[in-house]
Amino acid sequence: MTPIHEVLTDMAACDLSPSKPDVIVFDSPGIVRYHVIGDKPGTRNGYWRGFSDGRPAGIFGSWKTGQTHHWISGDPSTATDADRQRIQAIQRQREQEQAQEHERIAEIATAQFNGLPEASGTPYTARKRIEPLNARQRGESLVLALVDWSGTVWSLQTIYPDGTKRMLKGGRKRGLHILIRENPDGRLLICEGHATGCSLAMMDPCAGVVAAVDAHNMLPVAQAARQRFPDREIVLAGDHDPVGIKCATAAARAVDGLVLIPETPGQDWNDYLVAQGGA
């Protein structure tokens, strides 16, 4: 088995197979990003970097789920200290390159967000029957800032009129949130998407609300929130689907929080609000 086939086999075992296997190459000048089988079309959440000189080694993972896997050709149990040091060096290089790219995208995101008018309403918000809280607008598209708890803008999410969502390429997401509304004296609700967050803000006017962008980011967002608010009540308001329930429950356990799920399978909290005649 060639090193490339070894990598692809290990990727498959971790549910991180590329939809186009030929993108997995050795000795690339930078991180290789790729579409993971099962992810939304057009996304490139997978990453890989490896070197073929000496004993081939590298790293791969997913920016969506936070997975990181160290890979070495052959039997991993026979890896030497020199092999392990090389993998660690690849990891450090990846982290440095990623941090530099995040800083670059953050400057672009901040300038774009600050240059846009406050959102007044789009076809998407009309369909969801929400007020576009803490959002900006570009034409008929909604633009949302991904921030940390200091308020620094790191990236943007754009929601187009048809509901398609796009993140800035190369931007940071893990552990960041979309701030819907803050009230330091109220409990903190963490949900997945912006429309869900706006709906929760309507249903619980005294709560702070943030959106984690997707279910897999709920855990790191909750952990960052707990670090910021050691004693605050944190509620994970997940969607009623297998991934939403699993991720909300895991995040709640990690931060000693509560879980809030709509009763009806398939619903998120925006669906619930609309079904109740709200908005």
Protein backbone atom coordinates (compact mmCIF):
# COMPACT_ATOMS: atom_id res chain seq x y z
CA MET A 1 0.00 0.00 0.00
CA THR A 2 1.40 3.41 -0.99
CA PRO A 3 1.56 6.26 1.56
CA ILE A 4 -1.30 8.04 -0.25
CA HIS A 5 -3.47 4.95 0.08
CA GLU A 6 -2.52 4.71 3.76
CA VAL A 7 -3.62 8.30 4.33
CA LEU A 8 -6.91 7.80 2.50
CA THR A 9 -7.61 4.62 4.48
CA ASP A 10 -7.03 6.42 7.77
CA MET A 11 -9.17 9.37 6.64
CA ALA A 12 -11.99 6.95 5.84
CA ALA A 13 -11.69 5.38 9.29
CA CYS A 14 -12.16 8.86 10.78
CA ASP A 15 -15.09 9.77 8.47
CA LEU A 16 -12.96 12.44 6.83
CA SER A 17 -12.63 11.05 3.31
CA PRO A 18 -12.18 13.61 0.51
CA SER A 19 -14.79 13.61 -2.23
CA LYS A 20 -11.89 14.00 -4.68
CA PRO A 21 -9.04 11.76 -3.44
CA ASP A 22 -6.52 13.22 -5.90
CA VAL A 23 -6.36 16.44 -3.84
CA ILE A 24 -4.42 14.53 -1.16
CA VAL A 25 -0.79 15.05 -2.12
CA PHE A 26 2.51 15.23 -0.29
CA ASP A 27 4.93 18.15 -0.07
CA SER A 28 2.39 20.88 -0.91
CA PRO A 29 3.50 24.49 -0.23
CA GLY A 30 0.70 24.93 2.32
CA ILE A 31 -2.31 23.32 3.94
CA VAL A 32 -4.52 21.40 1.50
CA ARG A 33 -8.21 22.07 2.13
CA TYR A 34 -10.75 19.63 0.75
CA HIS A 35 -14.44 18.74 0.66
CA VAL A 36 -15.29 15.96 3.10
CA ILE A 37 -17.76 13.34 1.90
CA GLY A 38 -21.06 14.04 3.66
CA ASP A 39 -20.44 17.76 4.19
CA LYS A 40 -22.47 20.38 2.37
CA PRO A 41 -21.54 20.88 -1.30
CA GLY A 42 -19.07 23.69 -1.83
CA THR A 43 -17.54 23.47 1.66
CA ARG A 44 -13.90 22.59 2.28
CA ASN A 45 -13.79 21.72 5.95
CA GLY A 46 -11.14 19.02 5.66
CA TYR A 47 -7.43 19.79 5.81
CA TRP A 48 -4.25 17.84 5.16
CA ARG A 49 -0.55 18.43 5.08
CA GLY A 50 2.15 15.83 4.72
CA PHE A 51 5.76 15.30 3.71
CA SER A 52 7.18 12.32 1.86
CA ASP A 53 10.91 12.60 2.56
CA GLY A 54 12.23 10.19 5.17
CA ARG A 55 9.34 8.36 6.81
CA PRO A 56 6.16 9.94 5.35
CA ALA A 57 4.11 11.77 7.97
CA GLY A 58 1.47 14.46 8.24
CA ILE A 59 -1.73 15.68 9.86
CA PHE A 60 -5.37 15.81 8.76
CA GLY A 61 -8.63 16.87 10.32
CA SER A 62 -11.77 18.96 10.03
CA TRP A 63 -12.32 22.61 10.82
CA LYS A 64 -16.03 21.80 11.10
CA THR A 65 -15.78 19.23 13.87
CA GLY A 66 -12.44 20.22 15.39
CA GLN A 67 -10.86 16.83 14.74
CA THR A 68 -7.08 16.65 14.33
CA HIS A 69 -5.25 13.42 13.54
CA HIS A 70 -1.52 12.83 13.37
CA TRP A 71 -0.54 10.37 10.65
CA ILE A 72 2.63 8.41 10.03
CA SER A 73 3.30 5.78 7.40
CA GLY A 74 3.46 2.17 8.52
CA ASP A 75 2.84 0.88 12.02
CA PRO A 76 2.38 3.88 14.37
CA SER A 77 3.68 1.85 17.30
CA THR A 78 7.11 1.76 15.66
CA ALA A 79 7.37 5.56 15.46
CA THR A 80 10.64 6.91 16.83
CA ASP A 81 11.13 10.08 18.87
CA ALA A 82 12.42 11.72 15.70
CA ASP A 83 9.23 10.71 13.87
CA ARG A 84 7.04 12.15 16.63
CA GLN A 85 9.04 15.37 16.74
CA ARG A 86 8.57 15.77 13.01
CA ILE A 87 4.80 15.35 13.29
CA GLN A 88 4.75 17.91 16.09
CA ALA A 89 6.73 20.30 13.90
CA ILE A 90 4.15 19.86 11.11
CA GLN A 91 1.39 20.57 13.64
CA ARG A 92 3.10 23.75 14.85
CA GLN A 93 3.64 24.91 11.28
CA ARG A 94 -0.03 24.30 10.47
CA GLU A 95 -1.14 26.21 13.55
CA GLN A 96 1.15 29.14 12.71
CA GLU A 97 -0.06 29.31 9.11
CA GLN A 98 -3.67 29.04 10.25
CA ALA A 99 -3.24 31.82 12.83
CA GLN A 100 -1.72 34.12 10.21
CA GLU A 101 -4.59 33.42 7.81
CA HIS A 102 -7.15 34.04 10.57
CA GLU A 103 -5.58 37.41 11.34
CA ARG A 104 -5.66 38.37 7.67
CA ILE A 105 -9.31 37.38 7.28
CA ALA A 106 -10.22 39.17 10.52
CA GLU A 107 -9.01 42.49 9.08
CA ILE A 108 -11.07 41.95 5.94
CA ALA A 109 -14.15 40.87 7.93
CA THR A 110 -13.97 43.85 10.29
CA ALA A 111 -13.69 46.36 7.44
CA GLN A 112 -16.55 44.77 5.50
CA PHE A 113 -18.89 44.50 8.48
CA ASN A 114 -18.27 48.04 9.70
CA GLY A 115 -18.83 49.39 6.20
CA LEU A 116 -22.32 47.92 5.85
CA PRO A 117 -25.61 49.44 7.07
CA GLU A 118 -27.62 47.84 9.84
CA ALA A 119 -30.00 45.21 8.52
CA SER A 120 -33.57 46.37 7.98
CA GLY A 121 -34.92 43.12 6.59
CA THR A 122 -34.26 40.65 3.77
CA PRO A 123 -36.31 37.97 1.98
CA TYR A 124 -34.70 35.45 4.34
CA THR A 125 -35.69 37.30 7.53
CA ALA A 126 -39.20 37.87 6.15
CA ARG A 127 -39.56 34.15 5.49
CA LYS A 128 -38.25 33.32 8.96
CA ARG A 129 -40.47 36.06 10.44
CA ILE A 130 -37.69 37.54 12.56
CA GLU A 131 -36.17 40.91 13.25
CA PRO A 132 -32.52 40.82 12.05
CA LEU A 133 -30.90 41.53 15.40
CA ASN A 134 -27.27 42.70 15.47
CA ALA A 135 -26.87 42.12 11.73
CA ARG A 136 -25.77 44.08 8.67
CA GLN A 137 -27.12 43.99 5.15
CA ARG A 138 -25.61 43.84 1.67
CA GLY A 139 -28.33 44.22 -0.92
CA GLU A 140 -30.87 41.53 -0.08
CA SER A 141 -28.35 39.42 1.84
CA LEU A 142 -27.83 39.29 5.60
CA VAL A 143 -24.27 39.66 6.89
CA LEU A 144 -23.37 38.39 10.37
CA ALA A 145 -20.17 38.84 12.37
CA LEU A 146 -18.42 35.95 14.10
CA VAL A 147 -16.90 37.35 17.27
CA ASP A 148 -15.18 36.30 20.47
CA TRP A 149 -16.20 37.53 23.91
CA SER A 150 -14.00 40.61 23.57
CA GLY A 151 -16.12 41.65 20.58
CA THR A 152 -13.35 41.16 18.01
CA VAL A 153 -14.72 40.33 14.55
CA TRP A 154 -12.90 37.31 13.11
CA SER A 155 -15.07 36.29 10.18
CA LEU A 156 -18.44 36.76 8.50
CA GLN A 157 -21.38 34.62 7.55
CA THR A 158 -23.55 35.77 4.64
CA ILE A 159 -27.11 34.48 4.30
CA TYR A 160 -28.44 34.95 0.78
CA PRO A 161 -32.13 35.52 -0.09
CA ASP A 162 -32.68 31.82 -0.81
CA GLY A 163 -31.25 30.84 2.58
CA THR A 164 -27.83 29.73 1.31
CA LYS A 165 -25.15 30.41 3.93
CA ARG A 166 -21.51 31.14 3.18
CA MET A 167 -18.55 31.78 5.45
CA LEU A 168 -15.50 33.83 4.51
CA LYS A 169 -12.94 31.47 3.03
CA GLY A 170 -10.10 30.88 5.46
CA GLY A 171 -11.85 32.58 8.37
CA ARG A 172 -11.86 31.34 11.94
CA LYS A 173 -15.04 29.74 13.33
CA ARG A 174 -14.25 27.36 16.16
CA GLY A 175 -15.26 28.81 19.53
CA LEU A 176 -16.65 32.00 17.97
CA HIS A 177 -20.29 33.06 18.06
CA ILE A 178 -22.77 35.37 16.39
CA LEU A 179 -23.99 37.76 19.05
CA ILE A 180 -27.76 38.13 18.84
CA ARG A 181 -28.33 40.07 22.06
CA GLU A 182 -26.48 40.37 25.35
CA ASN A 183 -27.90 40.83 28.82
CA PRO A 184 -25.22 40.04 31.42
CA ASP A 185 -27.88 39.81 34.13
CA GLY A 186 -29.86 37.08 32.32
CA ARG A 187 -29.14 33.49 31.45
CA LEU A 188 -27.21 32.77 28.27
CA LEU A 189 -28.88 30.81 25.47
CA ILE A 190 -26.60 29.17 22.90
CA CYS A 191 -28.22 27.92 19.70
CA GLU A 192 -27.06 26.95 16.22
CA GLY A 193 -28.20 29.56 13.68
CA HIS A 194 -29.01 33.27 13.60
CA ALA A 195 -32.73 32.89 12.85
CA THR A 196 -33.05 30.47 15.75
CA GLY A 197 -31.24 32.95 17.99
CA CYS A 198 -33.49 35.84 16.99
CA SER A 199 -36.52 33.65 17.72
CA LEU A 200 -35.18 32.74 21.17
CA ALA A 201 -34.53 36.42 21.87
CA MET A 202 -38.20 37.13 21.16
CA MET A 203 -39.36 34.29 23.40
CA ASP A 204 -37.02 35.14 26.30
CA PRO A 205 -36.54 38.95 26.36
CA CYS A 206 -34.36 38.84 29.49
CA ALA A 207 -31.79 36.35 28.17
CA GLY A 208 -28.53 36.85 26.37
CA VAL A 209 -28.47 34.90 23.10
CA VAL A 210 -25.64 33.78 20.83
CA ALA A 211 -25.56 31.50 17.78
CA ALA A 212 -22.76 28.98 17.30
CA VAL A 213 -23.26 28.79 13.49
CA ASP A 214 -23.67 25.00 13.59
CA ALA A 215 -24.20 22.16 16.05
CA HIS A 216 -20.56 21.06 16.10
CA ASN A 217 -19.44 24.51 17.27
CA MET A 218 -21.78 24.53 20.28
CA LEU A 219 -19.25 22.81 22.55
CA PRO A 220 -16.32 25.22 22.01
CA VAL A 221 -18.72 28.20 22.16
CA ALA A 222 -20.13 26.92 25.46
CA GLN A 223 -16.64 26.36 26.85
CA ALA A 224 -15.59 29.90 25.90
CA ALA A 225 -18.78 31.23 27.51
CA ARG A 226 -18.17 29.30 30.72
CA GLN A 227 -14.63 30.65 30.90
CA ARG A 228 -16.04 34.17 30.49
CA PHE A 229 -18.98 33.61 32.88
CA PRO A 230 -18.01 31.11 35.60
CA ASP A 231 -21.32 31.39 37.47
CA ARG A 232 -23.83 32.20 34.74
CA GLU A 233 -26.68 29.87 33.81
CA ILE A 234 -25.98 28.54 30.31
CA VAL A 235 -28.66 26.83 28.24
CA LEU A 236 -27.89 24.88 25.06
CA ALA A 237 -30.93 25.38 22.81
CA GLY A 238 -30.41 22.67 20.22
CA ASP A 239 -32.37 21.67 17.15
CA HIS A 240 -34.55 18.57 17.41
CA ASP A 241 -32.49 16.29 15.19
CA PRO A 242 -29.89 13.63 16.07
CA VAL A 243 -26.87 15.89 15.57
CA GLY A 244 -28.47 18.86 17.33
CA ILE A 245 -29.48 16.83 20.37
CA LYS A 246 -26.11 15.08 20.59
CA CYS A 247 -24.07 18.27 20.32
CA ALA A 248 -26.27 20.30 22.66
CA THR A 249 -26.17 17.54 25.28
CA ALA A 250 -22.39 17.17 25.07
CA ALA A 251 -21.90 20.93 25.37
CA ALA A 252 -24.26 21.16 28.34
CA ARG A 253 -22.43 18.38 30.16
CA ALA A 254 -19.07 20.05 29.56
CA VAL A 255 -20.13 23.37 31.13
CA ASP A 256 -22.70 22.20 33.69
CA GLY A 257 -25.46 23.74 31.60
CA LEU A 258 -29.03 22.91 30.65
CA VAL A 259 -30.47 21.52 27.41
CA LEU A 260 -33.53 22.95 25.67
CA ILE A 261 -34.92 21.08 22.64
CA PRO A 262 -38.25 21.67 20.82
CA GLU A 263 -40.73 18.85 21.40
CA THR A 264 -41.44 18.22 17.72
CA PRO A 265 -38.83 16.21 15.77
CA GLY A 266 -37.26 18.19 12.94
CA GLN A 267 -37.96 21.59 14.49
CA ASP A 268 -35.55 24.29 15.57
CA TRP A 269 -36.69 27.18 17.77
CA ASN A 270 -37.58 29.33 14.78
CA ASP A 271 -39.85 26.56 13.49
CA TYR A 272 -41.38 26.37 16.96
CA LEU A 273 -42.03 30.10 17.15
CA VAL A 274 -43.61 30.22 13.70
CA ALA A 275 -45.75 27.15 14.48
CA GLN A 276 -47.00 28.90 17.60
CA GLY A 277 -48.07 31.89 15.56
CA GLY A 278 -45.26 34.10 16.82
CA ALA A 279 -43.30 36.75 14.96
